[in-house]
C-alpha atoms as a PDB file:
ATOM      1  CA  UNK A   1      -1.717  -0.106  17.759  1.00  0.00           C
ATOM      2  CA  UNK A   2       0.964  -1.373  20.037  1.00  0.00           C
ATOM      3  CA  UNK A   3       1.071  -4.604  18.295  1.00  0.00           C
ATOM      4  CA  UNK A   4       2.712  -3.069  15.056  1.00  0.00           C
ATOM      5  CA  UNK A   5       6.393  -3.901  15.208  1.00  0.00           C
ATOM      6  CA  UNK A   6       8.662  -0.790  15.274  1.00  0.00           C
ATOM      7  CA  UNK A   7      11.183  -2.720  13.188  1.00  0.00           C
ATOM      8  CA  UNK A   8       9.012  -3.021  10.024  1.00  0.00           C
ATOM      9  CA  UNK A   9      11.019  -2.150   6.803  1.00  0.00           C
ATOM     10  CA  UNK A  10       9.212   1.097   6.285  1.00  0.00           C
ATOM     11  CA  UNK A  11      12.144   2.948   4.790  1.00  0.00           C
ATOM     12  CA  UNK A  12      13.007   0.133   2.353  1.00  0.00           C
ATOM     13  CA  UNK A  13       9.318   0.047   1.166  1.00  0.00           C
ATOM     14  CA  UNK A  14       9.316   3.830   0.656  1.00  0.00           C
ATOM     15  CA  UNK A  15      12.571   3.740  -1.093  1.00  0.00           C
ATOM     16  CA  UNK A  16      11.042   1.155  -3.526  1.00  0.00           C
ATOM     17  CA  UNK A  17       7.988   3.243  -3.954  1.00  0.00           C
ATOM     18  CA  UNK A  18      10.072   6.367  -4.911  1.00  0.00           C
ATOM     19  CA  UNK A  19      12.251   4.310  -7.126  1.00  0.00           C
ATOM     20  CA  UNK A  20       9.208   2.837  -8.867  1.00  0.00           C
ATOM     21  CA  UNK A  21       7.746   6.236  -9.467  1.00  0.00           C
ATOM     22  CA  UNK A  22      10.865   7.928 -10.694  1.00  0.00           C
ATOM     23  CA  UNK A  23      11.153   5.014 -13.264  1.00  0.00           C
ATOM     24  CA  UNK A  24       7.832   5.646 -14.576  1.00  0.00           C
ATOM     25  CA  UNK A  25       6.203   2.945 -12.675  1.00  0.00           C
ATOM     26  CA  UNK A  26       3.446   3.115 -10.177  1.00  0.00           C
ATOM     27  CA  UNK A  27       2.698   1.771  -6.627  1.00  0.00           C
ATOM     28  CA  UNK A  28       0.235  -0.868  -7.377  1.00  0.00           C
ATOM     29  CA  UNK A  29      -1.934  -1.699  -4.274  1.00  0.00           C
ATOM     30  CA  UNK A  30      -4.161  -4.721  -4.079  1.00  0.00           C
ATOM     31  CA  UNK A  31      -6.193  -6.657  -1.533  1.00  0.00           C
ATOM     32  CA  UNK A  32      -9.574  -8.444  -1.287  1.00  0.00           C
ATOM     33  CA  UNK A  33     -12.504  -7.639   1.014  1.00  0.00           C
ATOM     34  CA  UNK A  34     -11.881  -5.250   3.851  1.00  0.00           C
ATOM     35  CA  UNK A  35      -8.105  -5.337   3.134  1.00  0.00           C
ATOM     36  CA  UNK A  36      -8.968  -4.274  -0.323  1.00  0.00           C
ATOM     37  CA  UNK A  37     -10.952  -1.370   0.973  1.00  0.00           C
ATOM     38  CA  UNK A  38      -8.088  -0.281   2.984  1.00  0.00           C
ATOM     39  CA  UNK A  39      -5.768  -0.649   0.053  1.00  0.00           C
ATOM     40  CA  UNK A  40      -8.076   1.689  -1.965  1.00  0.00           C
ATOM     41  CA  UNK A  41      -7.636   4.332   0.731  1.00  0.00           C
ATOM     42  CA  UNK A  42      -3.776   3.956   0.807  1.00  0.00           C
ATOM     43  CA  UNK A  43      -3.593   4.166  -2.940  1.00  0.00           C
ATOM     44  CA  UNK A  44      -5.815   7.335  -2.981  1.00  0.00           C
ATOM     45  CA  UNK A  45      -3.831   8.955  -0.275  1.00  0.00           C
ATOM     46  CA  UNK A  46      -0.540   8.285  -2.185  1.00  0.00           C
ATOM     47  CA  UNK A  47      -1.963   9.840  -5.259  1.00  0.00           C
ATOM     48  CA  UNK A  48      -2.893  12.967  -3.301  1.00  0.00           C
ATOM     49  CA  UNK A  49       0.660  13.540  -2.252  1.00  0.00           C
ATOM     50  CA  UNK A  50       2.028  12.965  -5.858  1.00  0.00           C
ATOM     51  CA  UNK A  51       3.012   9.364  -5.647  1.00  0.00           C
ATOM     52  CA  UNK A  52       1.556   7.743  -8.638  1.00  0.00           C
ATOM     53  CA  UNK A  53      -0.526   4.757  -7.473  1.00  0.00           C
ATOM     54  CA  UNK A  54      -3.181   2.468  -8.626  1.00  0.00           C
ATOM     55  CA  UNK A  55      -5.509  -0.038  -7.058  1.00  0.00           C
ATOM     56  CA  UNK A  56      -5.785  -3.225  -8.980  1.00  0.00           C
ATOM     57  CA  UNK A  57      -8.282  -5.804  -7.741  1.00  0.00           C
ATOM     58  CA  UNK A  58      -6.435  -9.173  -8.090  1.00  0.00           C
ATOM     59  CA  UNK A  59      -9.604 -10.880  -9.897  1.00  0.00           C
ATOM     60  CA  UNK A  60      -9.536  -7.879 -12.260  1.00  0.00           C
ATOM     61  CA  UNK A  61      -5.719  -8.371 -12.817  1.00  0.00           C
ATOM     62  CA  UNK A  62      -6.385 -12.009 -14.016  1.00  0.00           C
ATOM     63  CA  UNK A  63      -8.996 -10.592 -16.593  1.00  0.00           C
ATOM     64  CA  UNK A  64      -6.721  -7.956 -18.382  1.00  0.00           C
ATOM     65  CA  UNK A  65      -5.916  -5.347 -15.691  1.00  0.00           C
ATOM     66  CA  UNK A  66      -2.156  -6.279 -15.618  1.00  0.00           C
ATOM     67  CA  UNK A  67      -1.718  -3.732 -18.293  1.00  0.00           C
ATOM     68  CA  UNK A  68      -1.674  -1.104 -15.457  1.00  0.00           C
ATOM     69  CA  UNK A  69       1.540  -2.520 -14.092  1.00  0.00           C
ATOM     70  CA  UNK A  70       4.875  -1.303 -15.415  1.00  0.00           C
ATOM     71  CA  UNK A  71       8.165  -2.976 -15.369  1.00  0.00           C
ATOM     72  CA  UNK A  72       9.348  -0.517 -12.646  1.00  0.00           C
ATOM     73  CA  UNK A  73       6.064  -0.740 -10.559  1.00  0.00           C
ATOM     74  CA  UNK A  74       6.160  -1.970  -6.951  1.00  0.00           C
ATOM     75  CA  UNK A  75       3.175  -3.922  -5.581  1.00  0.00           C
ATOM     76  CA  UNK A  76       1.811  -3.334  -1.996  1.00  0.00           C
ATOM     77  CA  UNK A  77      -0.500  -6.328  -1.207  1.00  0.00           C
ATOM     78  CA  UNK A  78      -2.814  -6.336   1.718  1.00  0.00           C
ATOM     79  CA  UNK A  79      -3.627  -9.677   3.386  1.00  0.00           C
ATOM     80  CA  UNK A  80      -4.268 -10.203   7.205  1.00  0.00           C
ATOM     81  CA  UNK A  81      -3.979 -13.974   6.839  1.00  0.00           C
ATOM     82  CA  UNK A  82      -1.175 -13.855   4.270  1.00  0.00           C
ATOM     83  CA  UNK A  83      -3.042 -16.630   2.483  1.00  0.00           C
ATOM     84  CA  UNK A  84      -5.462 -14.952   0.281  1.00  0.00           C
ATOM     85  CA  UNK A  85      -5.535 -17.138  -2.957  1.00  0.00           C
ATOM     86  CA  UNK A  86      -6.300 -14.331  -5.146  1.00  0.00           C
ATOM     87  CA  UNK A  87      -3.306 -12.294  -4.091  1.00  0.00           C
ATOM     88  CA  UNK A  88      -1.039 -15.201  -4.284  1.00  0.00           C
ATOM     89  CA  UNK A  89      -2.011 -15.664  -7.861  1.00  0.00           C
ATOM     90  CA  UNK A  90      -1.477 -12.041  -8.480  1.00  0.00           C
ATOM     91  CA  UNK A  91       2.008 -12.138  -7.163  1.00  0.00           C
ATOM     92  CA  UNK A  92       2.801 -15.018  -9.791  1.00  0.00           C
ATOM     93  CA  UNK A  93       1.141 -12.809 -12.596  1.00  0.00           C
ATOM     94  CA  UNK A  94       3.281  -9.856 -11.622  1.00  0.00           C
ATOM     95  CA  UNK A  95       6.488 -11.944 -11.382  1.00  0.00           C
ATOM     96  CA  UNK A  96       5.750 -13.744 -14.720  1.00  0.00           C
ATOM     97  CA  UNK A  97       5.433 -10.371 -16.425  1.00  0.00           C
ATOM     98  CA  UNK A  98       8.304  -8.515 -14.573  1.00  0.00           C
ATOM     99  CA  UNK A  99      10.665 -10.915 -12.580  1.00  0.00           C
ATOM    100  CA  UNK A 100      12.402  -8.079 -10.923  1.00  0.00           C
ATOM    101  CA  UNK A 101       9.204  -6.362  -9.833  1.00  0.00           C
ATOM    102  CA  UNK A 102       9.320  -5.597  -5.920  1.00  0.00           C
ATOM    103  CA  UNK A 103       6.533  -6.771  -3.792  1.00  0.00           C
ATOM    104  CA  UNK A 104       5.655  -5.297  -0.378  1.00  0.00           C
ATOM    105  CA  UNK A 105       2.974  -6.814   1.767  1.00  0.00           C
ATOM    106  CA  UNK A 106       1.045  -5.789   4.829  1.00  0.00           C
ATOM    107  CA  UNK A 107      -0.064  -8.815   6.811  1.00  0.00           C
ATOM    108  CA  UNK A 108      -0.664 -10.159  10.197  1.00  0.00           C
ATOM    109  CA  UNK A 109       1.430 -13.328   9.452  1.00  0.00           C
ATOM    110  CA  UNK A 110       5.000 -12.538   8.151  1.00  0.00           C
ATOM    111  CA  UNK A 111       5.911 -16.129   7.711  1.00  0.00           C
ATOM    112  CA  UNK A 112       2.554 -16.784   5.558  1.00  0.00           C
ATOM    113  CA  UNK A 113       2.800 -17.824   1.860  1.00  0.00           C
ATOM    114  CA  UNK A 114       2.501 -14.209   0.781  1.00  0.00           C
ATOM    115  CA  UNK A 115       5.082 -13.147   3.328  1.00  0.00           C
ATOM    116  CA  UNK A 116       7.531 -15.668   1.794  1.00  0.00           C
ATOM    117  CA  UNK A 117       7.234 -14.204  -1.724  1.00  0.00           C
ATOM    118  CA  UNK A 118       7.519 -10.587  -0.644  1.00  0.00           C
ATOM    119  CA  UNK A 119      10.616  -8.466  -0.673  1.00  0.00           C
ATOM    120  CA  UNK A 120       9.268  -6.322   2.135  1.00  0.00           C
ATOM    121  CA  UNK A 121       6.910  -7.651   4.993  1.00  0.00           C
ATOM    122  CA  UNK A 122       5.203  -5.047   7.003  1.00  0.00           C
ATOM    123  CA  UNK A 123       3.710  -6.754  10.003  1.00  0.00           C
ATOM    124  CA  UNK A 124       0.553  -5.559  11.713  1.00  0.00           C
ATOM    125  CA  UNK A 125       1.710  -7.677  14.763  1.00  0.00           C
ATOM    126  CA  UNK A 126      -1.522  -9.741  14.197  1.00  0.00           C
ATOM    127  CA  UNK A 127      -3.633  -7.880  16.820  1.00  0.00           C
ATOM    128  CA  UNK A 128      -6.725  -9.697  18.050  1.00  0.00           C
ATOM    129  CA  UNK A 129      -9.984  -8.490  16.437  1.00  0.00           C
ATOM    130  CA  UNK A 130     -12.011  -6.553  18.991  1.00  0.00           C
ATOM    131  CA  UNK A 131     -15.365  -8.200  18.144  1.00  0.00           C
ATOM    132  CA  UNK A 132     -16.371 -11.145  20.347  1.00  0.00           C
ATOM    133  CA  UNK A 133     -15.907 -13.916  17.638  1.00  0.00           C
ATOM    134  CA  UNK A 134     -12.404 -12.787  16.470  1.00  0.00           C
ATOM    135  CA  UNK A 135     -13.574 -13.133  12.816  1.00  0.00           C
ATOM    136  CA  UNK A 136     -14.708  -9.896  11.490  1.00  0.00           C
ATOM    137  CA  UNK A 137     -11.836  -7.599  10.195  1.00  0.00           C
ATOM    138  CA  UNK A 138     -11.779  -4.845  12.766  1.00  0.00           C
ATOM    139  CA  UNK A 139      -8.295  -4.200  14.529  1.00  0.00           C
ATOM    140  CA  UNK A 140      -6.468  -5.926  11.666  1.00  0.00           C
ATOM    141  CA  UNK A 141      -7.999  -3.204   9.197  1.00  0.00           C
ATOM    142  CA  UNK A 142      -7.081  -0.405  11.565  1.00  0.00           C
ATOM    143  CA  UNK A 143      -3.474  -1.728  11.844  1.00  0.00           C
ATOM    144  CA  UNK A 144      -3.160  -1.989   7.994  1.00  0.00           C
ATOM    145  CA  UNK A 145      -4.409   1.573   7.706  1.00  0.00           C
ATOM    146  CA  UNK A 146      -1.992   2.797  10.250  1.00  0.00           C
ATOM    147  CA  UNK A 147       0.824   1.137   8.390  1.00  0.00           C
ATOM    148  CA  UNK A 148      -0.365   2.754   5.208  1.00  0.00           C
ATOM    149  CA  UNK A 149      -0.431   6.157   6.812  1.00  0.00           C
ATOM    150  CA  UNK A 150       3.110   5.500   8.244  1.00  0.00           C
ATOM    151  CA  UNK A 151       4.272   4.850   4.598  1.00  0.00           C
ATOM    152  CA  UNK A 152       2.549   7.974   3.508  1.00  0.00           C
ATOM    153  CA  UNK A 153       4.071  10.282   6.022  1.00  0.00           C
ATOM    154  CA  UNK A 154       7.533   8.729   5.277  1.00  0.00           C
ATOM    155  CA  UNK A 155       7.011   9.322   1.472  1.00  0.00           C
ATOM    156  CA  UNK A 156       5.879  12.938   2.197  1.00  0.00           C
ATOM    157  CA  UNK A 157       9.155  13.433   4.135  1.00  0.00           C
ATOM    158  CA  UNK A 158      11.197  11.906   1.247  1.00  0.00           C
ATOM    159  CA  UNK A 159       9.488  14.007  -1.176  1.00  0.00           C
ATOM    160  CA  UNK A 160      10.025  17.107   0.824  1.00  0.00           C
ATOM    161  CA  UNK A 161       6.386  17.879   0.213  1.00  0.00           C
ATOM    162  CA  UNK A 162       5.375  21.411   0.880  1.00  0.00           C
ATOM    163  CA  UNK A 163       1.932  22.907   0.820  1.00  0.00           C
ATOM    164  CA  UNK A 164       2.644  24.413  -2.468  1.00  0.00           C
ATOM    165  CA  UNK A 165       3.443  20.887  -3.989  1.00  0.00           C
ATOM    166  CA  UNK A 166       0.650  19.359  -2.140  1.00  0.00           C
ATOM    167  CA  UNK A 167      -2.014  21.890  -3.235  1.00  0.00           C
ATOM    168  CA  UNK A 168      -1.156  20.965  -6.905  1.00  0.00           C
ATOM    169  CA  UNK A 169      -2.407  17.537  -6.267  1.00  0.00           C
ATOM    170  CA  UNK A 170      -5.288  18.398  -3.956  1.00  0.00           C
ATOM    171  CA  UNK A 171      -6.545  21.753  -4.711  1.00  0.00           C
ATOM    172  CA  UNK A 172     -10.354  21.431  -4.022  1.00  0.00           C
ATOM    173  CA  UNK A 173     -12.516  21.298  -0.952  1.00  0.00           C
ATOM    174  CA  UNK A 174     -11.640  22.364   2.511  1.00  0.00           C
ATOM    175  CA  UNK A 175      -8.102  20.609   2.497  1.00  0.00           C
ATOM    176  CA  UNK A 176      -7.205  22.267  -0.789  1.00  0.00           C
ATOM    177  CA  UNK A 177      -8.202  25.688   0.690  1.00  0.00           C
ATOM    178  CA  UNK A 178      -6.082  25.253   3.758  1.00  0.00           C
ATOM    179  CA  UNK A 179      -3.085  24.122   1.501  1.00  0.00           C
ATOM    180  CA  UNK A 180      -3.466  27.167  -0.618  1.00  0.00           C
ATOM    181  CA  UNK A 181      -3.331  29.359   2.483  1.00  0.00           C
ATOM    182  CA  UNK A 182      -0.235  27.624   3.847  1.00  0.00           C
ATOM    183  CA  UNK A 183       1.380  27.995   0.385  1.00  0.00           C
ATOM    184  CA  UNK A 184       1.312  31.678   0.613  1.00  0.00           C
END
């Protein structure tokens, strides 16, 4: 994942996440298609470390799910092209509700329409897809996932997450058992 720029504003995005959660907001993650699948994983991982997050599909947002967004929420939107119509509409809906809401995007095209409306642009570096047609989301999704994991790790550090704290949010399964052992 050498294409991912080292100077992405990770710290600014993580600070916005923490400010949102401390202010009773959430990290609202959204995307369409494969980027949406990656977004669901990022949201789920943030929840497992105690960062309140929700995935909102932009189509569902237009049909009533905007109620899951709080005035202190921050949106994390994923779009490789940066032109996803549904996400552009979603940003308008968010800003109409809460003009001061922060928007972070993960995209392969920082100067795209979605990049222009964002407060924080996390670039994937627009890596070439590994499949022969360069159409199927492959490498771009991996880059988005890596950026999501970087945001998670930085959030863990900011939270000073310990095994005891982590185990409270993830107490089941193999990982929960390992966390419990480490918490002793």
